[in-house]
Amino acid sequence: MPTHFTSYTTEELSKKLKKQKVMVFIKAIVVILMIVFSVFVTLEKGISFQTFLPLFFLPMWLVMVFELKKIKQELISRK
């Protein structure tokens, strides 16, 4: 099944891979911090909206990770 990455040049894919790695790392840090803060808020004030907030951002991070893997696979297939 062709991906939308086939329309990119190898150089563009390399740049996109670098950007995607940075964004995945930043998003992971944000999600981890959100989890830590939600645990503290839950312990202090009980269950609230902040308790479940990381659950909304975790799927976005997972999509970014899967996209990163697809970019890597496309670059490997071009070698």
PDB file of N, CA and C in Angstrom:
ATOM      1  N   MET A   1       0.842  -1.175   0.000  1.00  0.00           N
ATOM      2  CA  MET A   1       0.000   0.000   0.000  1.00  0.00           C
ATOM      3  C   MET A   1       0.890   1.242   0.000  1.00  0.00           C
ATOM      4  N   PRO A   2       0.789   2.081  -1.005  1.00  0.00           N
ATOM      5  CA  PRO A   2       1.634   3.269  -1.059  1.00  0.00           C
ATOM      6  C   PRO A   2       1.231   4.291  -0.001  1.00  0.00           C
ATOM      7  N   THR A   3       2.230   4.944   0.535  1.00  0.00           N
ATOM      8  CA  THR A   3       1.963   5.979   1.528  1.00  0.00           C
ATOM      9  C   THR A   3       2.087   7.342   0.876  1.00  0.00           C
ATOM     10  N   HIS A   4       1.677   8.358   1.577  1.00  0.00           N
ATOM     11  CA  HIS A   4       1.791   9.706   1.034  1.00  0.00           C
ATOM     12  C   HIS A   4       3.235  10.205   1.069  1.00  0.00           C
ATOM     13  N   PHE A   5       4.130   9.442   1.663  1.00  0.00           N
ATOM     14  CA  PHE A   5       5.538   9.833   1.713  1.00  0.00           C
ATOM     15  C   PHE A   5       6.266   9.530   0.409  1.00  0.00           C
ATOM     16  N   THR A   6       5.645   8.776  -0.467  1.00  0.00           N
ATOM     17  CA  THR A   6       6.305   8.450  -1.729  1.00  0.00           C
ATOM     18  C   THR A   6       6.453   9.671  -2.622  1.00  0.00           C
ATOM     19  N   SER A   7       5.659  10.692  -2.380  1.00  0.00           N
ATOM     20  CA  SER A   7       5.746  11.901  -3.206  1.00  0.00           C
ATOM     21  C   SER A   7       6.884  12.826  -2.770  1.00  0.00           C
ATOM     22  N   TYR A   8       7.482  12.560  -1.613  1.00  0.00           N
ATOM     23  CA  TYR A   8       8.593  13.380  -1.127  1.00  0.00           C
ATOM     24  C   TYR A   8       9.911  12.902  -1.726  1.00  0.00           C
ATOM     25  N   THR A   9      10.839  13.828  -1.865  1.00  0.00           N
ATOM     26  CA  THR A   9      12.188  13.436  -2.262  1.00  0.00           C
ATOM     27  C   THR A   9      12.899  12.872  -1.034  1.00  0.00           C
ATOM     28  N   THR A  10      14.024  12.232  -1.256  1.00  0.00           N
ATOM     29  CA  THR A  10      14.777  11.656  -0.140  1.00  0.00           C
ATOM     30  C   THR A  10      15.264  12.745   0.808  1.00  0.00           C
ATOM     31  N   GLU A  11      15.679  13.861   0.253  1.00  0.00           N
ATOM     32  CA  GLU A  11      16.142  14.972   1.092  1.00  0.00           C
ATOM     33  C   GLU A  11      14.999  15.530   1.942  1.00  0.00           C
ATOM     34  N   GLU A  12      13.839  15.676   1.341  1.00  0.00           N
ATOM     35  CA  GLU A  12      12.678  16.169   2.092  1.00  0.00           C
ATOM     36  C   GLU A  12      12.282  15.188   3.195  1.00  0.00           C
ATOM     37  N   LEU A  13      12.368  13.908   2.886  1.00  0.00           N
ATOM     38  CA  LEU A  13      12.050  12.905   3.904  1.00  0.00           C
ATOM     39  C   LEU A  13      13.044  12.940   5.057  1.00  0.00           C
ATOM     40  N   SER A  14      14.302  13.158   4.750  1.00  0.00           N
ATOM     41  CA  SER A  14      15.315  13.244   5.807  1.00  0.00           C
ATOM     42  C   SER A  14      15.040  14.429   6.722  1.00  0.00           C
ATOM     43  N   LYS A  15      14.683  15.554   6.138  1.00  0.00           N
ATOM     44  CA  LYS A  15      14.349  16.735   6.943  1.00  0.00           C
ATOM     45  C   LYS A  15      13.100  16.480   7.779  1.00  0.00           C
ATOM     46  N   LYS A  16      12.106  15.854   7.160  1.00  0.00           N
ATOM     47  CA  LYS A  16      10.866  15.553   7.874  1.00  0.00           C
ATOM     48  C   LYS A  16      11.130  14.578   9.017  1.00  0.00           C
ATOM     49  N   LEU A  17      12.022  13.623   8.797  1.00  0.00           N
ATOM     50  CA  LEU A  17      12.371  12.660   9.839  1.00  0.00           C
ATOM     51  C   LEU A  17      12.999  13.361  11.039  1.00  0.00           C
ATOM     52  N   LYS A  18      13.912  14.278  10.778  1.00  0.00           N
ATOM     53  CA  LYS A  18      14.556  15.013  11.870  1.00  0.00           C
ATOM     54  C   LYS A  18      13.535  15.831  12.654  1.00  0.00           C
ATOM     55  N   LYS A  19      12.666  16.537  11.939  1.00  0.00           N
ATOM     56  CA  LYS A  19      11.639  17.342  12.606  1.00  0.00           C
ATOM     57  C   LYS A  19      10.692  16.457  13.408  1.00  0.00           C
ATOM     58  N   GLN A  20      10.322  15.331  12.826  1.00  0.00           N
ATOM     59  CA  GLN A  20       9.379  14.433  13.483  1.00  0.00           C
ATOM     60  C   GLN A  20       9.985  13.840  14.752  1.00  0.00           C
ATOM     61  N   LYS A  21      11.275  13.518  14.721  1.00  0.00           N
ATOM     62  CA  LYS A  21      11.938  12.990  15.917  1.00  0.00           C
ATOM     63  C   LYS A  21      11.894  14.006  17.052  1.00  0.00           C
ATOM     64  N   VAL A  22      12.181  15.260  16.718  1.00  0.00           N
ATOM     65  CA  VAL A  22      12.158  16.315  17.735  1.00  0.00           C
ATOM     66  C   VAL A  22      10.747  16.489  18.288  1.00  0.00           C
ATOM     67  N   MET A  23       9.764  16.497  17.401  1.00  0.00           N
ATOM     68  CA  MET A  23       8.385  16.696  17.842  1.00  0.00           C
ATOM     69  C   MET A  23       7.888  15.530  18.696  1.00  0.00           C
ATOM     70  N   VAL A  24       8.270  14.312  18.346  1.00  0.00           N
ATOM     71  CA  VAL A  24       7.881  13.143  19.146  1.00  0.00           C
ATOM     72  C   VAL A  24       8.502  13.237  20.533  1.00  0.00           C
ATOM     73  N   PHE A  25       9.754  13.651  20.592  1.00  0.00           N
ATOM     74  CA  PHE A  25      10.439  13.791  21.877  1.00  0.00           C
ATOM     75  C   PHE A  25       9.767  14.864  22.737  1.00  0.00           C
ATOM     76  N   ILE A  26       9.472  16.004  22.146  1.00  0.00           N
ATOM     77  CA  ILE A  26       8.828  17.093  22.887  1.00  0.00           C
ATOM     78  C   ILE A  26       7.441  16.665  23.369  1.00  0.00           C
ATOM     79  N   LYS A  27       6.683  16.033  22.480  1.00  0.00           N
ATOM     80  CA  LYS A  27       5.334  15.590  22.855  1.00  0.00           C
ATOM     81  C   LYS A  27       5.399  14.546  23.970  1.00  0.00           C
ATOM     82  N   ALA A  28       6.409  13.673  23.941  1.00  0.00           N
ATOM     83  CA  ALA A  28       6.554  12.667  24.995  1.00  0.00           C
ATOM     84  C   ALA A  28       6.822  13.335  26.340  1.00  0.00           C
ATOM     85  N   ILE A  29       7.676  14.341  26.338  1.00  0.00           N
ATOM     86  CA  ILE A  29       7.965  15.065  27.581  1.00  0.00           C
ATOM     87  C   ILE A  29       6.707  15.743  28.107  1.00  0.00           C
ATOM     88  N   VAL A  30       5.954  16.359  27.210  1.00  0.00           N
ATOM     89  CA  VAL A  30       4.727  17.046  27.619  1.00  0.00           C
ATOM     90  C   VAL A  30       3.721  16.049  28.203  1.00  0.00           C
ATOM     91  N   VAL A  31       3.561  14.915  27.555  1.00  0.00           N
ATOM     92  CA  VAL A  31       2.607  13.913  28.048  1.00  0.00           C
ATOM     93  C   VAL A  31       3.056  13.367  29.400  1.00  0.00           C
ATOM     94  N   ILE A  32       4.343  13.121  29.561  1.00  0.00           N
ATOM     95  CA  ILE A  32       4.851  12.628  30.851  1.00  0.00           C
ATOM     96  C   ILE A  32       4.620  13.660  31.948  1.00  0.00           C
ATOM     97  N   LEU A  33       4.897  14.930  31.649  1.00  0.00           N
ATOM     98  CA  LEU A  33       4.642  15.981  32.639  1.00  0.00           C
ATOM     99  C   LEU A  33       3.158  16.081  32.974  1.00  0.00           C
ATOM    100  N   MET A  34       2.320  15.939  31.965  1.00  0.00           N
ATOM    101  CA  MET A  34       0.880  15.986  32.211  1.00  0.00           C
ATOM    102  C   MET A  34       0.435  14.831  33.105  1.00  0.00           C
ATOM    103  N   ILE A  35       1.021  13.665  32.896  1.00  0.00           N
ATOM    104  CA  ILE A  35       0.677  12.510  33.733  1.00  0.00           C
ATOM    105  C   ILE A  35       1.108  12.760  35.174  1.00  0.00           C
ATOM    106  N   VAL A  36       2.317  13.277  35.344  1.00  0.00           N
ATOM    107  CA  VAL A  36       2.819  13.555  36.696  1.00  0.00           C
ATOM    108  C   VAL A  36       1.934  14.588  37.391  1.00  0.00           C
ATOM    109  N   PHE A  37       1.626  15.682  36.686  1.00  0.00           N
ATOM    110  CA  PHE A  37       0.784  16.712  37.292  1.00  0.00           C
ATOM    111  C   PHE A  37      -0.628  16.217  37.557  1.00  0.00           C
ATOM    112  N   SER A  38      -1.139  15.365  36.685  1.00  0.00           N
ATOM    113  CA  SER A  38      -2.493  14.858  36.912  1.00  0.00           C
ATOM    114  C   SER A  38      -2.535  13.946  38.135  1.00  0.00           C
ATOM    115  N   VAL A  39      -1.459  13.211  38.376  1.00  0.00           N
ATOM    116  CA  VAL A  39      -1.404  12.376  39.583  1.00  0.00           C
ATOM    117  C   VAL A  39      -1.401  13.259  40.826  1.00  0.00           C
ATOM    118  N   PHE A  40      -0.597  14.324  40.806  1.00  0.00           N
ATOM    119  CA  PHE A  40      -0.561  15.226  41.959  1.00  0.00           C
ATOM    120  C   PHE A  40      -1.903  15.915  42.182  1.00  0.00           C
ATOM    121  N   VAL A  41      -2.533  16.369  41.113  1.00  0.00           N
ATOM    122  CA  VAL A  41      -3.831  17.036  41.246  1.00  0.00           C
ATOM    123  C   VAL A  41      -4.873  16.057  41.762  1.00  0.00           C
ATOM    124  N   THR A  42      -4.820  14.828  41.289  1.00  0.00           N
ATOM    125  CA  THR A  42      -5.776  13.819  41.744  1.00  0.00           C
ATOM    126  C   THR A  42      -5.579  13.515  43.227  1.00  0.00           C
ATOM    127  N   LEU A  43      -4.330  13.437  43.658  1.00  0.00           N
ATOM    128  CA  LEU A  43      -4.074  13.170  45.072  1.00  0.00           C
ATOM    129  C   LEU A  43      -4.502  14.338  45.954  1.00  0.00           C
ATOM    130  N   GLU A  44      -4.337  15.556  45.458  1.00  0.00           N
ATOM    131  CA  GLU A  44      -4.672  16.737  46.252  1.00  0.00           C
ATOM    132  C   GLU A  44      -6.171  17.052  46.246  1.00  0.00           C
ATOM    133  N   LYS A  45      -6.782  17.038  45.061  1.00  0.00           N
ATOM    134  CA  LYS A  45      -8.157  17.522  44.934  1.00  0.00           C
ATOM    135  C   LYS A  45      -9.156  16.445  44.535  1.00  0.00           C
ATOM    136  N   GLY A  46      -8.696  15.262  44.252  1.00  0.00           N
ATOM    137  CA  GLY A  46      -9.594  14.211  43.797  1.00  0.00           C
ATOM    138  C   GLY A  46      -9.679  14.205  42.276  1.00  0.00           C
ATOM    139  N   ILE A  47     -10.554  13.381  41.775  1.00  0.00           N
ATOM    140  CA  ILE A  47     -10.682  13.229  40.325  1.00  0.00           C
ATOM    141  C   ILE A  47     -11.317  14.483  39.729  1.00  0.00           C
ATOM    142  N   SER A  48     -10.664  14.985  38.671  1.00  0.00           N
ATOM    143  CA  SER A  48     -11.173  16.161  37.970  1.00  0.00           C
ATOM    144  C   SER A  48     -10.815  16.028  36.495  1.00  0.00           C
ATOM    145  N   PHE A  49     -11.045  17.087  35.744  1.00  0.00           N
ATOM    146  CA  PHE A  49     -10.733  17.081  34.315  1.00  0.00           C
ATOM    147  C   PHE A  49      -9.241  16.869  34.077  1.00  0.00           C
ATOM    148  N   GLN A  50      -8.399  17.438  34.942  1.00  0.00           N
ATOM    149  CA  GLN A  50      -6.949  17.299  34.781  1.00  0.00           C
ATOM    150  C   GLN A  50      -6.492  15.849  34.925  1.00  0.00           C
ATOM    151  N   THR A  51      -7.282  15.045  35.604  1.00  0.00           N
ATOM    152  CA  THR A  51      -6.938  13.635  35.762  1.00  0.00           C
ATOM    153  C   THR A  51      -6.926  12.922  34.413  1.00  0.00           C
ATOM    154  N   PHE A  52      -7.868  13.263  33.558  1.00  0.00           N
ATOM    155  CA  PHE A  52      -8.026  12.562  32.286  1.00  0.00           C
ATOM    156  C   PHE A  52      -7.399  13.293  31.103  1.00  0.00           C
ATOM    157  N   LEU A  53      -6.871  14.468  31.316  1.00  0.00           N
ATOM    158  CA  LEU A  53      -6.286  15.255  30.233  1.00  0.00           C
ATOM    159  C   LEU A  53      -5.159  14.528  29.486  1.00  0.00           C
ATOM    160  N   PRO A  54      -4.245  13.837  30.170  1.00  0.00           N
ATOM    161  CA  PRO A  54      -3.193  13.117  29.429  1.00  0.00           C
ATOM    162  C   PRO A  54      -3.746  12.041  28.497  1.00  0.00           C
ATOM    163  N   LEU A  55      -4.892  11.490  28.828  1.00  0.00           N
ATOM    164  CA  LEU A  55      -5.485  10.455  27.978  1.00  0.00           C
ATOM    165  C   LEU A  55      -5.900  11.001  26.619  1.00  0.00           C
ATOM    166  N   PHE A  56      -6.160  12.291  26.535  1.00  0.00           N
ATOM    167  CA  PHE A  56      -6.530  12.902  25.257  1.00  0.00           C
ATOM    168  C   PHE A  56      -5.299  13.179  24.392  1.00  0.00           C
ATOM    169  N   PHE A  57      -4.157  13.391  25.020  1.00  0.00           N
ATOM    170  CA  PHE A  57      -2.945  13.707  24.276  1.00  0.00           C
ATOM    171  C   PHE A  57      -2.114  12.474  23.933  1.00  0.00           C
ATOM    172  N   LEU A  58      -2.303  11.401  24.640  1.00  0.00           N
ATOM    173  CA  LEU A  58      -1.549  10.176  24.378  1.00  0.00           C
ATOM    174  C   LEU A  58      -1.794   9.619  22.972  1.00  0.00           C
ATOM    175  N   PRO A  59      -3.026   9.570  22.471  1.00  0.00           N
ATOM    176  CA  PRO A  59      -3.223   9.079  21.100  1.00  0.00           C
ATOM    177  C   PRO A  59      -2.531   9.942  20.043  1.00  0.00           C
ATOM    178  N   MET A  60      -2.468  11.242  20.270  1.00  0.00           N
ATOM    179  CA  MET A  60      -1.765  12.114  19.319  1.00  0.00           C
ATOM    180  C   MET A  60      -0.286  11.756  19.265  1.00  0.00           C
ATOM    181  N   TRP A  61       0.283  11.461  20.427  1.00  0.00           N
ATOM    182  CA  TRP A  61       1.686  11.076  20.476  1.00  0.00           C
ATOM    183  C   TRP A  61       1.896   9.741  19.756  1.00  0.00           C
ATOM    184  N   LEU A  62       0.976   8.813  19.957  1.00  0.00           N
ATOM    185  CA  LEU A  62       1.097   7.513  19.295  1.00  0.00           C
ATOM    186  C   LEU A  62       1.020   7.648  17.776  1.00  0.00           C
ATOM    187  N   VAL A  63       0.158   8.510  17.284  1.00  0.00           N
ATOM    188  CA  VAL A  63       0.069   8.746  15.840  1.00  0.00           C
ATOM    189  C   VAL A  63       1.387   9.300  15.318  1.00  0.00           C
ATOM    190  N   MET A  64       1.987  10.199  16.073  1.00  0.00           N
ATOM    191  CA  MET A  64       3.269  10.770  15.658  1.00  0.00           C
ATOM    192  C   MET A  64       4.360   9.695  15.620  1.00  0.00           C
ATOM    193  N   VAL A  65       4.342   8.778  16.578  1.00  0.00           N
ATOM    194  CA  VAL A  65       5.334   7.699  16.610  1.00  0.00           C
ATOM    195  C   VAL A  65       5.154   6.779  15.404  1.00  0.00           C
ATOM    196  N   PHE A  66       3.912   6.435  15.081  1.00  0.00           N
ATOM    197  CA  PHE A  66       3.664   5.567  13.925  1.00  0.00           C
ATOM    198  C   PHE A  66       4.056   6.256  12.618  1.00  0.00           C
ATOM    199  N   GLU A  67       3.820   7.548  12.540  1.00  0.00           N
ATOM    200  CA  GLU A  67       4.221   8.292  11.349  1.00  0.00           C
ATOM    201  C   GLU A  67       5.744   8.328  11.229  1.00  0.00           C
ATOM    202  N   LEU A  68       6.423   8.455  12.349  1.00  0.00           N
ATOM    203  CA  LEU A  68       7.884   8.431  12.357  1.00  0.00           C
ATOM    204  C   LEU A  68       8.397   7.094  11.822  1.00  0.00           C
ATOM    205  N   LYS A  69       7.768   6.018  12.235  1.00  0.00           N
ATOM    206  CA  LYS A  69       8.168   4.693  11.747  1.00  0.00           C
ATOM    207  C   LYS A  69       7.930   4.560  10.245  1.00  0.00           C
ATOM    208  N   LYS A  70       6.837   5.124   9.764  1.00  0.00           N
ATOM    209  CA  LYS A  70       6.551   5.061   8.326  1.00  0.00           C
ATOM    210  C   LYS A  70       7.589   5.842   7.524  1.00  0.00           C
ATOM    211  N   ILE A  71       8.010   6.977   8.054  1.00  0.00           N
ATOM    212  CA  ILE A  71       9.035   7.764   7.368  1.00  0.00           C
ATOM    213  C   ILE A  71      10.342   6.978   7.318  1.00  0.00           C
ATOM    214  N   LYS A  72      10.698   6.348   8.430  1.00  0.00           N
ATOM    215  CA  LYS A  72      11.923   5.538   8.458  1.00  0.00           C
ATOM    216  C   LYS A  72      11.841   4.390   7.455  1.00  0.00           C
ATOM    217  N   GLN A  73      10.693   3.732   7.389  1.00  0.00           N
ATOM    218  CA  GLN A  73      10.529   2.624   6.447  1.00  0.00           C
ATOM    219  C   GLN A  73      10.652   3.107   5.007  1.00  0.00           C
ATOM    220  N   GLU A  74      10.097   4.260   4.715  1.00  0.00           N
ATOM    221  CA  GLU A  74      10.184   4.802   3.360  1.00  0.00           C
ATOM    222  C   GLU A  74      11.630   5.125   3.000  1.00  0.00           C
ATOM    223  N   LEU A  75      12.368   5.690   3.944  1.00  0.00           N
ATOM    224  CA  LEU A  75      13.779   5.987   3.678  1.00  0.00           C
ATOM    225  C   LEU A  75      14.586   4.704   3.481  1.00  0.00           C
ATOM    226  N   ILE A  76      14.290   3.683   4.257  1.00  0.00           N
ATOM    227  CA  ILE A  76      14.994   2.404   4.112  1.00  0.00           C
ATOM    228  C   ILE A  76      14.668   1.766   2.766  1.00  0.00           C
ATOM    229  N   SER A  77      13.430   1.876   2.336  1.00  0.00           N
ATOM    230  CA  SER A  77      13.044   1.261   1.061  1.00  0.00           C
ATOM    231  C   SER A  77      13.696   1.950  -0.132  1.00  0.00           C
ATOM    232  N   ARG A  78      14.138   3.177   0.045  1.00  0.00           N
ATOM    233  CA  ARG A  78      14.776   3.912  -1.052  1.00  0.00           C
ATOM    234  C   ARG A  78      16.265   3.627  -1.166  1.00  0.00           C
ATOM    235  N   LYS A  79      16.835   2.981  -0.183  1.00  0.00           N
ATOM    236  CA  LYS A  79      18.283   2.705  -0.231  1.00  0.00           C
ATOM    237  C   LYS A  79      18.597   1.553  -1.130  1.00  0.00           C
TER     238      LYS A  79
END
